[in-house]
PDB file of N, CA and C in Angstrom:
ATOM      1  N   MET A   1      73.813 156.275  32.634  1.00  0.00           N
ATOM      2  CA  MET A   1      73.099 155.190  33.254  1.00  0.00           C
ATOM      3  C   MET A   1      71.629 155.170  32.804  1.00  0.00           C
ATOM      4  N   LEU A   2      70.996 156.332  32.786  1.00  0.00           N
ATOM      5  CA  LEU A   2      69.609 156.431  32.358  1.00  0.00           C
ATOM      6  C   LEU A   2      69.463 156.040  30.886  1.00  0.00           C
ATOM      7  N   ALA A   3      70.437 156.422  30.076  1.00  0.00           N
ATOM      8  CA  ALA A   3      70.402 156.082  28.650  1.00  0.00           C
ATOM      9  C   ALA A   3      70.486 154.566  28.466  1.00  0.00           C
ATOM     10  N   ALA A   4      71.311 153.898  29.247  1.00  0.00           N
ATOM     11  CA  ALA A   4      71.454 152.448  29.151  1.00  0.00           C
ATOM     12  C   ALA A   4      70.142 151.747  29.528  1.00  0.00           C
ATOM     13  N   VAL A   5      69.491 152.235  30.565  1.00  0.00           N
ATOM     14  CA  VAL A   5      68.219 151.648  30.986  1.00  0.00           C
ATOM     15  C   VAL A   5      67.169 151.864  29.902  1.00  0.00           C
ATOM     16  N   LEU A   6      67.133 153.051  29.330  1.00  0.00           N
ATOM     17  CA  LEU A   6      66.186 153.368  28.271  1.00  0.00           C
ATOM     18  C   LEU A   6      66.413 152.470  27.053  1.00  0.00           C
ATOM     19  N   ILE A   7      67.661 152.296  26.667  1.00  0.00           N
ATOM     20  CA  ILE A   7      67.991 151.424  25.532  1.00  0.00           C
ATOM     21  C   ILE A   7      67.564 149.984  25.835  1.00  0.00           C
ATOM     22  N   PHE A   8      67.810 149.517  27.055  1.00  0.00           N
ATOM     23  CA  PHE A   8      67.420 148.172  27.449  1.00  0.00           C
ATOM     24  C   PHE A   8      65.907 147.989  27.345  1.00  0.00           C
ATOM     25  N   VAL A   9      65.156 148.973  27.833  1.00  0.00           N
ATOM     26  CA  VAL A   9      63.686 148.892  27.796  1.00  0.00           C
ATOM     27  C   VAL A   9      63.191 148.880  26.351  1.00  0.00           C
ATOM     28  N   VAL A  10      63.762 149.727  25.513  1.00  0.00           N
ATOM     29  CA  VAL A  10      63.361 149.780  24.102  1.00  0.00           C
ATOM     30  C   VAL A  10      63.645 148.436  23.429  1.00  0.00           C
ATOM     31  N   LEU A  11      64.841 147.883  23.658  1.00  0.00           N
ATOM     32  CA  LEU A  11      65.186 146.595  23.055  1.00  0.00           C
ATOM     33  C   LEU A  11      64.293 145.470  23.591  1.00  0.00           C
ATOM     34  N   LEU A  12      63.935 145.530  24.850  1.00  0.00           N
ATOM     35  CA  LEU A  12      63.046 144.539  25.436  1.00  0.00           C
ATOM     36  C   LEU A  12      61.670 144.600  24.785  1.00  0.00           C
ATOM     37  N   VAL A  13      61.144 145.794  24.620  1.00  0.00           N
ATOM     38  CA  VAL A  13      59.834 145.969  23.991  1.00  0.00           C
ATOM     39  C   VAL A  13      59.868 145.475  22.544  1.00  0.00           C
ATOM     40  N   ILE A  14      60.914 145.815  21.815  1.00  0.00           N
ATOM     41  CA  ILE A  14      61.045 145.366  20.427  1.00  0.00           C
ATOM     42  C   ILE A  14      61.137 143.838  20.382  1.00  0.00           C
ATOM     43  N   GLY A  15      61.933 143.267  21.258  1.00  0.00           N
ATOM     44  CA  GLY A  15      62.073 141.811  21.303  1.00  0.00           C
ATOM     45  C   GLY A  15      60.765 141.112  21.617  1.00  0.00           C
ATOM     46  N   LEU A  16      60.035 141.614  22.612  1.00  0.00           N
ATOM     47  CA  LEU A  16      58.746 141.020  22.957  1.00  0.00           C
ATOM     48  C   LEU A  16      57.736 141.186  21.822  1.00  0.00           C
ATOM     49  N   GLY A  17      57.781 142.323  21.172  1.00  0.00           N
ATOM     50  CA  GLY A  17      56.900 142.544  20.026  1.00  0.00           C
ATOM     51  C   GLY A  17      57.207 141.575  18.888  1.00  0.00           C
ATOM     52  N   LEU A  18      58.472 141.333  18.637  1.00  0.00           N
ATOM     53  CA  LEU A  18      58.874 140.392  17.590  1.00  0.00           C
ATOM     54  C   LEU A  18      58.429 138.977  17.939  1.00  0.00           C
ATOM     55  N   ILE A  19      58.608 138.575  19.174  1.00  0.00           N
ATOM     56  CA  ILE A  19      58.171 137.249  19.608  1.00  0.00           C
ATOM     57  C   ILE A  19      56.658 137.117  19.464  1.00  0.00           C
ATOM     58  N   GLY A  20      55.921 138.118  19.875  1.00  0.00           N
ATOM     59  CA  GLY A  20      54.465 138.100  19.733  1.00  0.00           C
ATOM     60  C   GLY A  20      54.037 138.002  18.286  1.00  0.00           C
ATOM     61  N   TRP A  21      54.688 138.760  17.427  1.00  0.00           N
ATOM     62  CA  TRP A  21      54.362 138.728  15.996  1.00  0.00           C
ATOM     63  C   TRP A  21      54.624 137.339  15.422  1.00  0.00           C
ATOM     64  N   LEU A  22      55.743 136.721  15.790  1.00  0.00           N
ATOM     65  CA  LEU A  22      56.054 135.390  15.295  1.00  0.00           C
ATOM     66  C   LEU A  22      55.047 134.355  15.788  1.00  0.00           C
ATOM     67  N   ILE A  23      54.633 134.481  17.028  1.00  0.00           N
ATOM     68  CA  ILE A  23      53.641 133.542  17.573  1.00  0.00           C
ATOM     69  C   ILE A  23      52.313 133.702  16.850  1.00  0.00           C
ATOM     70  N   LEU A  24      51.864 134.925  16.659  1.00  0.00           N
ATOM     71  CA  LEU A  24      50.593 135.153  15.974  1.00  0.00           C
ATOM     72  C   LEU A  24      50.668 134.729  14.519  1.00  0.00           C
ATOM     73  N   ARG A  25      51.774 134.973  13.887  1.00  0.00           N
ATOM     74  CA  ARG A  25      51.944 134.578  12.483  1.00  0.00           C
ATOM     75  C   ARG A  25      51.909 133.072  12.368  1.00  0.00           C
ATOM     76  N   GLY A  26      52.512 132.384  13.320  1.00  0.00           N
ATOM     77  CA  GLY A  26      52.512 130.930  13.299  1.00  0.00           C
ATOM     78  C   GLY A  26      51.126 130.344  13.491  1.00  0.00           C
ATOM     79  N   SER A  27      50.249 131.056  14.184  1.00  0.00           N
ATOM     80  CA  SER A  27      48.904 130.542  14.408  1.00  0.00           C
ATOM     81  C   SER A  27      48.049 130.621  13.158  1.00  0.00           C
ATOM     82  N   LYS A  28      48.519 131.300  12.149  1.00  0.00           N
ATOM     83  CA  LYS A  28      47.789 131.391  10.889  1.00  0.00           C
ATOM     84  C   LYS A  28      48.356 130.397   9.884  1.00  0.00           C
ATOM     85  N   ASP A  29      48.730 129.253  10.377  1.00  0.00           N
ATOM     86  CA  ASP A  29      49.300 128.187   9.579  1.00  0.00           C
ATOM     87  C   ASP A  29      48.324 127.782   8.481  1.00  0.00           C
ATOM     88  N   THR A  30      48.842 127.498   7.326  1.00  0.00           N
ATOM     89  CA  THR A  30      48.005 127.123   6.193  1.00  0.00           C
ATOM     90  C   THR A  30      47.980 125.621   5.994  1.00  0.00           C
ATOM     91  N   SER A  31      48.131 124.884   7.078  1.00  0.00           N
ATOM     92  CA  SER A  31      48.154 123.435   6.946  1.00  0.00           C
ATOM     93  C   SER A  31      46.789 122.926   6.502  1.00  0.00           C
ATOM     94  N   LEU A  32      46.817 121.785   5.880  1.00  0.00           N
ATOM     95  CA  LEU A  32      45.608 121.159   5.383  1.00  0.00           C
ATOM     96  C   LEU A  32      45.461 119.818   6.080  1.00  0.00           C
ATOM     97  N   SER A  33      44.378 119.633   6.775  1.00  0.00           N
ATOM     98  CA  SER A  33      44.166 118.362   7.481  1.00  0.00           C
ATOM     99  C   SER A  33      43.771 117.283   6.481  1.00  0.00           C
ATOM    100  N   GLU A  34      43.871 116.050   6.921  1.00  0.00           N
ATOM    101  CA  GLU A  34      43.475 114.946   6.046  1.00  0.00           C
ATOM    102  C   GLU A  34      41.981 115.019   5.739  1.00  0.00           C
ATOM    103  N   ALA A  35      41.195 115.476   6.689  1.00  0.00           N
ATOM    104  CA  ALA A  35      39.751 115.622   6.453  1.00  0.00           C
ATOM    105  C   ALA A  35      39.478 116.669   5.370  1.00  0.00           C
ATOM    106  N   ASP A  36      40.210 117.796   5.408  1.00  0.00           N
ATOM    107  CA  ASP A  36      40.065 118.818   4.359  1.00  0.00           C
ATOM    108  C   ASP A  36      40.504 118.270   3.007  1.00  0.00           C
ATOM    109  N   PHE A  37      41.594 117.498   3.017  1.00  0.00           N
ATOM    110  CA  PHE A  37      42.080 116.880   1.788  1.00  0.00           C
ATOM    111  C   PHE A  37      41.022 115.934   1.228  1.00  0.00           C
ATOM    112  N   ASP A  38      40.420 115.118   2.112  1.00  0.00           N
ATOM    113  CA  ASP A  38      39.385 114.172   1.685  1.00  0.00           C
ATOM    114  C   ASP A  38      38.227 114.890   1.006  1.00  0.00           C
ATOM    115  N   GLN A  39      37.807 116.005   1.595  1.00  0.00           N
ATOM    116  CA  GLN A  39      36.690 116.755   1.016  1.00  0.00           C
ATOM    117  C   GLN A  39      37.049 117.289  -0.370  1.00  0.00           C
ATOM    118  N   ALA A  40      38.233 117.868  -0.490  1.00  0.00           N
ATOM    119  CA  ALA A  40      38.668 118.397  -1.785  1.00  0.00           C
ATOM    120  C   ALA A  40      38.824 117.266  -2.797  1.00  0.00           C
ATOM    121  N   TYR A  41      39.315 116.134  -2.349  1.00  0.00           N
ATOM    122  CA  TYR A  41      39.508 114.976  -3.233  1.00  0.00           C
ATOM    123  C   TYR A  41      38.157 114.489  -3.763  1.00  0.00           C
ATOM    124  N   GLU A  42      37.167 114.430  -2.885  1.00  0.00           N
ATOM    125  CA  GLU A  42      35.837 113.971  -3.297  1.00  0.00           C
ATOM    126  C   GLU A  42      35.176 114.961  -4.255  1.00  0.00           C
ATOM    127  N   ASP A  43      35.528 116.236  -4.144  1.00  0.00           N
ATOM    128  CA  ASP A  43      34.941 117.253  -5.022  1.00  0.00           C
ATOM    129  C   ASP A  43      35.499 117.187  -6.443  1.00  0.00           C
ATOM    130  N   LEU A  44      36.665 116.555  -6.614  1.00  0.00           N
ATOM    131  CA  LEU A  44      37.255 116.439  -7.950  1.00  0.00           C
ATOM    132  C   LEU A  44      36.499 115.413  -8.783  1.00  0.00           C
ATOM    133  N   PRO A  45      36.325 115.697 -10.076  1.00  0.00           N
ATOM    134  CA  PRO A  45      35.778 114.650 -10.941  1.00  0.00           C
ATOM    135  C   PRO A  45      36.744 113.456 -10.938  1.00  0.00           C
ATOM    136  N   GLU A  46      36.226 112.265 -11.049  1.00  0.00           N
ATOM    137  CA  GLU A  46      37.053 111.069 -10.929  1.00  0.00           C
ATOM    138  C   GLU A  46      38.202 111.053 -11.935  1.00  0.00           C
ATOM    139  N   SER A  47      37.982 111.591 -13.122  1.00  0.00           N
ATOM    140  CA  SER A  47      39.037 111.585 -14.150  1.00  0.00           C
ATOM    141  C   SER A  47      40.203 112.512 -13.800  1.00  0.00           C
ATOM    142  N   GLU A  48      39.985 113.458 -12.883  1.00  0.00           N
ATOM    143  CA  GLU A  48      41.039 114.402 -12.512  1.00  0.00           C
ATOM    144  C   GLU A  48      41.706 114.073 -11.185  1.00  0.00           C
ATOM    145  N   ARG A  49      41.303 112.983 -10.570  1.00  0.00           N
ATOM    146  CA  ARG A  49      41.877 112.614  -9.275  1.00  0.00           C
ATOM    147  C   ARG A  49      43.282 112.057  -9.452  1.00  0.00           C
ATOM    148  N   PRO A  50      44.204 112.483  -8.592  1.00  0.00           N
ATOM    149  CA  PRO A  50      45.570 111.959  -8.682  1.00  0.00           C
ATOM    150  C   PRO A  50      45.621 110.495  -8.254  1.00  0.00           C
ATOM    151  N   ASP A  51      46.656 109.800  -8.662  1.00  0.00           N
ATOM    152  CA  ASP A  51      46.908 108.408  -8.282  1.00  0.00           C
ATOM    153  C   ASP A  51      45.750 107.483  -8.652  1.00  0.00           C
ATOM    154  N   ALA A  52      45.207 107.690  -9.831  1.00  0.00           N
ATOM    155  CA  ALA A  52      44.183 106.804 -10.393  1.00  0.00           C
ATOM    156  C   ALA A  52      43.033 106.531  -9.420  1.00  0.00           C
ATOM    157  N   GLY A  53      42.619 107.555  -8.686  1.00  0.00           N
ATOM    158  CA  GLY A  53      41.474 107.413  -7.801  1.00  0.00           C
ATOM    159  C   GLY A  53      41.771 106.771  -6.458  1.00  0.00           C
ATOM    160  N   ASN A  54      43.037 106.543  -6.133  1.00  0.00           N
ATOM    161  CA  ASN A  54      43.397 105.959  -4.841  1.00  0.00           C
ATOM    162  C   ASN A  54      43.629 107.098  -3.848  1.00  0.00           C
ATOM    163  N   ARG A  55      42.612 107.414  -3.044  1.00  0.00           N
ATOM    164  CA  ARG A  55      42.679 108.550  -2.146  1.00  0.00           C
ATOM    165  C   ARG A  55      43.799 108.419  -1.116  1.00  0.00           C
ATOM    166  N   GLU A  56      44.013 107.220  -0.603  1.00  0.00           N
ATOM    167  CA  GLU A  56      45.049 107.006   0.408  1.00  0.00           C
ATOM    168  C   GLU A  56      46.437 107.305  -0.167  1.00  0.00           C
ATOM    169  N   GLU A  57      46.702 106.837  -1.390  1.00  0.00           N
ATOM    170  CA  GLU A  57      47.988 107.115  -2.043  1.00  0.00           C
ATOM    171  C   GLU A  57      48.126 108.604  -2.334  1.00  0.00           C
ATOM    172  N   ALA A  58      47.043 109.237  -2.759  1.00  0.00           N
ATOM    173  CA  ALA A  58      47.079 110.671  -3.053  1.00  0.00           C
ATOM    174  C   ALA A  58      47.409 111.468  -1.790  1.00  0.00           C
ATOM    175  N   TRP A  59      46.815 111.086  -0.646  1.00  0.00           N
ATOM    176  CA  TRP A  59      47.101 111.777   0.609  1.00  0.00           C
ATOM    177  C   TRP A  59      48.564 111.608   0.990  1.00  0.00           C
ATOM    178  N   LYS A  60      49.109 110.404   0.879  1.00  0.00           N
ATOM    179  CA  LYS A  60      50.522 110.157   1.206  1.00  0.00           C
ATOM    180  C   LYS A  60      51.428 111.008   0.332  1.00  0.00           C
ATOM    181  N   ASP A  61      51.135 111.026  -0.977  1.00  0.00           N
ATOM    182  CA  ASP A  61      51.951 111.812  -1.906  1.00  0.00           C
ATOM    183  C   ASP A  61      51.880 113.308  -1.566  1.00  0.00           C
ATOM    184  N   PHE A  62      50.667 113.787  -1.310  1.00  0.00           N
ATOM    185  CA  PHE A  62      50.494 115.201  -0.982  1.00  0.00           C
ATOM    186  C   PHE A  62      51.206 115.552   0.318  1.00  0.00           C
ATOM    187  N   SER A  63      51.028 114.720   1.336  1.00  0.00           N
ATOM    188  CA  SER A  63      51.652 114.959   2.636  1.00  0.00           C
ATOM    189  C   SER A  63      53.176 114.967   2.525  1.00  0.00           C
ATOM    190  N   ASN A  64      53.720 114.009   1.784  1.00  0.00           N
ATOM    191  CA  ASN A  64      55.173 113.957   1.587  1.00  0.00           C
ATOM    192  C   ASN A  64      55.674 115.161   0.803  1.00  0.00           C
ATOM    193  N   TRP A  65      54.923 115.588  -0.202  1.00  0.00           N
ATOM    194  CA  TRP A  65      55.317 116.752  -0.992  1.00  0.00           C
ATOM    195  C   TRP A  65      55.360 117.996  -0.106  1.00  0.00           C
ATOM    196  N   ARG A  66      54.341 118.160   0.754  1.00  0.00           N
ATOM    197  CA  ARG A  66      54.323 119.317   1.652  1.00  0.00           C
ATOM    198  C   ARG A  66      55.529 119.319   2.572  1.00  0.00           C
ATOM    199  N   LYS A  67      55.878 118.140   3.091  1.00  0.00           N
ATOM    200  CA  LYS A  67      57.017 118.052   3.998  1.00  0.00           C
ATOM    201  C   LYS A  67      58.317 118.399   3.292  1.00  0.00           C
ATOM    202  N   GLU A  68      58.427 118.035   2.025  1.00  0.00           N
ATOM    203  CA  GLU A  68      59.639 118.362   1.264  1.00  0.00           C
ATOM    204  C   GLU A  68      59.685 119.832   0.882  1.00  0.00           C
ATOM    205  N   GLN A  69      58.541 120.395   0.527  1.00  0.00           N
ATOM    206  CA  GLN A  69      58.490 121.761   0.002  1.00  0.00           C
ATOM    207  C   GLN A  69      58.394 122.824   1.088  1.00  0.00           C
ATOM    208  N   GLU A  70      57.947 122.466   2.251  1.00  0.00           N
ATOM    209  CA  GLU A  70      57.766 123.443   3.308  1.00  0.00           C
ATOM    210  C   GLU A  70      58.543 123.022   4.550  1.00  0.00           C
ATOM    211  N   PRO A  71      59.786 123.463   4.660  1.00  0.00           N
ATOM    212  CA  PRO A  71      60.646 123.026   5.763  1.00  0.00           C
ATOM    213  C   PRO A  71      60.064 123.256   7.153  1.00  0.00           C
ATOM    214  N   GLN A  72      59.217 124.255   7.330  1.00  0.00           N
ATOM    215  CA  GLN A  72      58.649 124.493   8.657  1.00  0.00           C
ATOM    216  C   GLN A  72      57.723 123.363   9.084  1.00  0.00           C
ATOM    217  N   HIS A  73      57.326 122.506   8.164  1.00  0.00           N
ATOM    218  CA  HIS A  73      56.453 121.386   8.512  1.00  0.00           C
ATOM    219  C   HIS A  73      57.230 120.105   8.786  1.00  0.00           C
ATOM    220  N   ASP A  74      58.549 120.158   8.699  1.00  0.00           N
ATOM    221  CA  ASP A  74      59.351 118.954   8.900  1.00  0.00           C
ATOM    222  C   ASP A  74      59.201 118.355  10.281  1.00  0.00           C
ATOM    223  N   ASP A  75      58.896 119.170  11.269  1.00  0.00           N
ATOM    224  CA  ASP A  75      58.815 118.650  12.623  1.00  0.00           C
ATOM    225  C   ASP A  75      57.402 118.243  13.024  1.00  0.00           C
ATOM    226  N   TRP A  76      56.493 118.146  12.073  1.00  0.00           N
ATOM    227  CA  TRP A  76      55.148 117.658  12.371  1.00  0.00           C
ATOM    228  C   TRP A  76      55.236 116.209  12.812  1.00  0.00           C
ATOM    229  N   PRO A  77      54.460 115.823  13.798  1.00  0.00           N
ATOM    230  CA  PRO A  77      54.442 114.403  14.174  1.00  0.00           C
ATOM    231  C   PRO A  77      53.816 113.589  13.042  1.00  0.00           C
ATOM    232  N   GLU A  78      54.398 112.442  12.796  1.00  0.00           N
ATOM    233  CA  GLU A  78      53.893 111.596  11.716  1.00  0.00           C
ATOM    234  C   GLU A  78      53.017 110.500  12.302  1.00  0.00           C
ATOM    235  N   ASP A  79      51.926 110.253  11.626  1.00  0.00           N
ATOM    236  CA  ASP A  79      51.010 109.200  12.023  1.00  0.00           C
ATOM    237  C   ASP A  79      51.439 107.936  11.291  1.00  0.00           C
ATOM    238  N   ASP A  80      51.812 106.893  12.016  1.00  0.00           N
ATOM    239  CA  ASP A  80      52.300 105.663  11.407  1.00  0.00           C
ATOM    240  C   ASP A  80      51.271 105.026  10.481  1.00  0.00           C
ATOM    241  N   ASP A  81      49.984 105.286  10.705  1.00  0.00           N
ATOM    242  CA  ASP A  81      48.953 104.715   9.844  1.00  0.00           C
ATOM    243  C   ASP A  81      49.008 105.287   8.435  1.00  0.00           C
ATOM    244  N   GLN A  82      49.591 106.477   8.281  1.00  0.00           N
ATOM    245  CA  GLN A  82      49.604 107.136   6.980  1.00  0.00           C
ATOM    246  C   GLN A  82      50.863 106.831   6.200  1.00  0.00           C
ATOM    247  N   LEU A  83      51.849 106.215   6.803  1.00  0.00           N
ATOM    248  CA  LEU A  83      53.108 105.966   6.103  1.00  0.00           C
ATOM    249  C   LEU A  83      53.163 104.615   5.461  1.00  0.00           C
TER     250      LEU A  83
END
């Protein structure tokens, strides 16, 4: 009986530790906001800007690429103004 309780406590601690680690890891998301994108876009020389200098199109393309390439971002809420 004591062994079962001990095993339960150990598994509980491991489970809580795993949940905590996942939560903390998730808070270090590497997402890029549109404002950060705008700043990086403006820093590029005009000849190197994607989509022939159309920042709005470049943001849409980048945002869509991220959603396709990074499945964890699929559930991000979409802003209708950007689509």
